[in-house]
Amino acid sequence: MAKKVAKTSTTKVAEPVKAVARVAVKPVASKAAAKPVVKAAPTAASKAAVKRPAKAEAKAVIVPTAKHGDVKSPKEKKLKLVRDSFTMPKLEYLKLDELKQRGVTLGNSIKKSELIRAGIMALAAMSDANFRKAMNVVPVIKTGRPAKDRS
């Protein structure tokens, strides 16, 4: 039994073109209108008044107003710190602790380095005659590390 094969023509007939319905296109909103509105953080009083925000309400999103390179805030240069060590007589070193306690009684906790810096500022503000008098009162000591006690 032989199957009959229907022959089709090799030329294609174009299908009729269907009418396309026009779709209304809304204009795109400008960039200014597209930015979300930033809301202020609620205060404690307003938190107590509002139990739960509505589910449909969008959460506030913080959007940067300027690009990273656009705004340059004036930064203060950090002071370069110098670490140093020095030798001083035990009685003068104990004076640092007395001055720290004096600062605490006056309401300020002061570090040793702050005391030394304040002393330098006070010496710098003195007249030459007063500076000479203050330096003549300070005895000269041998510099370097103190000798180890062999007791």
Protein backbone atom coordinates (compact mmCIF):
# COMPACT_ATOMS: atom_id res chain seq x y z
CA MET A 1 0.00 0.00 0.00
CA ALA A 2 1.42 3.17 -1.06
CA LYS A 3 0.81 6.38 0.76
CA LYS A 4 -0.26 9.32 -1.18
CA VAL A 5 1.81 12.39 -0.64
CA ALA A 6 0.17 15.65 -1.35
CA LYS A 7 2.31 18.03 -3.27
CA THR A 8 2.45 21.59 -2.14
CA SER A 9 3.46 24.47 -4.23
CA THR A 10 6.86 25.99 -3.61
CA THR A 11 5.58 29.54 -3.75
CA LYS A 12 4.26 30.92 -0.48
CA VAL A 13 1.27 33.10 -0.33
CA ALA A 14 1.58 36.09 2.01
CA GLU A 15 -0.91 36.11 4.83
CA PRO A 16 -3.12 39.12 5.15
CA VAL A 17 -1.78 41.74 7.60
CA LYS A 18 -3.78 42.11 10.75
CA ALA A 19 -4.53 45.53 12.13
CA VAL A 20 -2.45 46.39 15.18
CA ALA A 21 -4.13 48.22 18.00
CA ARG A 22 -2.35 51.35 19.19
CA VAL A 23 -1.32 51.46 22.83
CA ALA A 24 -1.26 54.74 24.68
CA VAL A 25 2.27 55.43 25.96
CA LYS A 26 2.69 57.61 29.02
CA PRO A 27 5.60 60.02 28.97
CA VAL A 28 8.53 59.09 31.24
CA ALA A 29 8.67 61.11 34.45
CA SER A 30 11.58 63.51 34.86
CA LYS A 31 14.54 62.57 37.09
CA ALA A 32 13.48 65.09 39.73
CA ALA A 33 10.05 63.51 40.04
CA ALA A 34 11.52 60.00 40.15
CA LYS A 35 13.54 60.64 43.33
CA PRO A 36 11.90 59.28 46.46
CA VAL A 37 11.03 61.70 49.20
CA VAL A 38 13.21 61.38 52.31
CA LYS A 39 11.22 61.54 55.50
CA ALA A 40 12.60 62.68 58.83
CA ALA A 41 13.13 60.09 61.51
CA PRO A 42 10.19 59.92 63.90
CA THR A 43 10.67 61.32 67.38
CA ALA A 44 9.84 59.45 70.57
CA ALA A 45 6.51 61.29 70.88
CA SER A 46 5.42 60.42 67.34
CA LYS A 47 6.49 56.78 67.81
CA ALA A 48 4.14 56.49 70.76
CA ALA A 49 1.27 58.01 68.77
CA VAL A 50 1.71 55.74 65.74
CA LYS A 51 1.36 52.04 66.52
CA ARG A 52 2.14 50.54 63.11
CA PRO A 53 2.76 52.12 59.75
CA ALA A 54 0.35 51.23 56.97
CA LYS A 55 1.50 48.30 54.84
CA ALA A 56 1.05 50.27 51.65
CA GLU A 57 3.28 53.10 52.91
CA ALA A 58 6.78 52.94 51.48
CA LYS A 59 9.75 53.06 53.84
CA ALA A 60 11.99 56.09 53.70
CA VAL A 61 15.05 55.64 51.55
CA ILE A 62 18.07 57.88 51.95
CA VAL A 63 19.40 58.95 48.59
CA PRO A 64 22.73 60.76 48.32
CA THR A 65 22.17 64.24 46.96
CA ALA A 66 25.60 64.65 45.40
CA LYS A 67 28.12 62.34 43.83
CA HIS A 68 31.21 61.28 45.74
CA GLY A 69 33.56 63.68 43.95
CA ASP A 70 31.18 66.65 43.76
CA VAL A 71 31.33 67.89 47.35
CA LYS A 72 34.66 68.23 49.12
CA SER A 73 34.36 68.88 52.83
CA PRO A 74 37.27 70.75 54.33
CA LYS A 75 39.13 68.22 56.45
CA GLU A 76 41.37 69.27 59.25
CA LYS A 77 44.85 67.91 58.90
CA LYS A 78 45.69 65.49 61.67
CA LEU A 79 48.48 66.60 63.90
CA LYS A 80 51.54 64.45 63.63
CA LEU A 81 52.28 62.98 67.03
CA VAL A 82 55.80 62.39 68.30
CA ARG A 83 56.58 59.78 70.92
CA ASP A 84 59.49 60.55 73.20
CA SER A 85 60.91 59.45 76.52
CA PHE A 86 62.68 61.49 79.16
CA THR A 87 64.21 61.19 82.59
CA MET A 88 63.05 63.24 85.57
CA PRO A 89 63.59 63.14 89.32
CA LYS A 90 61.15 61.02 91.31
CA LEU A 91 59.82 63.99 93.31
CA GLU A 92 58.94 65.90 90.13
CA TYR A 93 57.34 62.78 88.69
CA LEU A 94 55.18 62.50 91.81
CA LYS A 95 54.15 66.15 91.24
CA LEU A 96 52.48 64.95 88.03
CA ASP A 97 50.23 62.67 90.08
CA GLU A 98 49.46 65.50 92.51
CA LEU A 99 48.52 67.77 89.61
CA LYS A 100 46.34 65.03 88.11
CA GLN A 101 44.49 64.72 91.44
CA ARG A 102 44.12 68.50 91.57
CA GLY A 103 42.54 68.41 88.12
CA VAL A 104 40.08 65.71 89.24
CA THR A 105 39.00 67.79 92.24
CA LEU A 106 38.40 70.71 89.87
CA GLY A 107 36.26 68.51 87.61
CA ASN A 108 38.73 67.58 84.85
CA SER A 109 40.51 64.27 84.47
CA ILE A 110 43.92 65.06 83.03
CA LYS A 111 46.53 62.79 81.51
CA LYS A 112 50.25 63.17 82.17
CA SER A 113 50.90 64.17 78.58
CA GLU A 114 48.23 66.88 78.84
CA LEU A 115 49.90 68.25 81.98
CA ILE A 116 53.27 68.40 80.24
CA ARG A 117 51.75 70.08 77.18
CA ALA A 118 49.99 72.64 79.41
CA GLY A 119 53.31 73.37 81.10
CA ILE A 120 54.95 73.92 77.72
CA MET A 121 52.16 76.30 76.72
CA ALA A 122 52.56 78.21 80.00
CA LEU A 123 56.33 78.49 79.46
CA ALA A 124 55.81 79.66 75.89
CA ALA A 125 53.43 82.40 77.04
CA MET A 126 55.94 83.77 79.60
CA SER A 127 58.05 86.83 79.04
CA ASP A 128 61.79 86.25 78.55
CA ALA A 129 62.60 87.40 82.10
CA ASN A 130 60.02 85.05 83.70
CA PHE A 131 61.11 82.19 81.42
CA ARG A 132 64.75 82.69 82.53
CA LYS A 133 63.69 82.65 86.20
CA ALA A 134 61.67 79.44 85.73
CA MET A 135 64.55 77.71 83.94
CA ASN A 136 67.05 78.72 86.64
CA VAL A 137 64.88 76.97 89.27
CA VAL A 138 64.96 73.63 87.41
CA PRO A 139 68.11 71.65 88.33
CA VAL A 140 70.15 70.05 85.56
CA ILE A 141 70.10 66.24 85.67
CA LYS A 142 72.14 63.61 83.92
CA THR A 143 70.35 62.48 80.76
CA GLY A 144 69.83 58.87 79.79
CA ARG A 145 68.37 55.89 81.57
CA PRO A 146 68.86 55.68 85.34
CA ALA A 147 71.25 53.06 86.67
CA LYS A 148 69.72 49.78 87.82
CA ASP A 149 69.69 49.21 91.55
CA ARG A 150 71.66 46.07 92.51
CA SER A 151 70.08 45.55 95.89
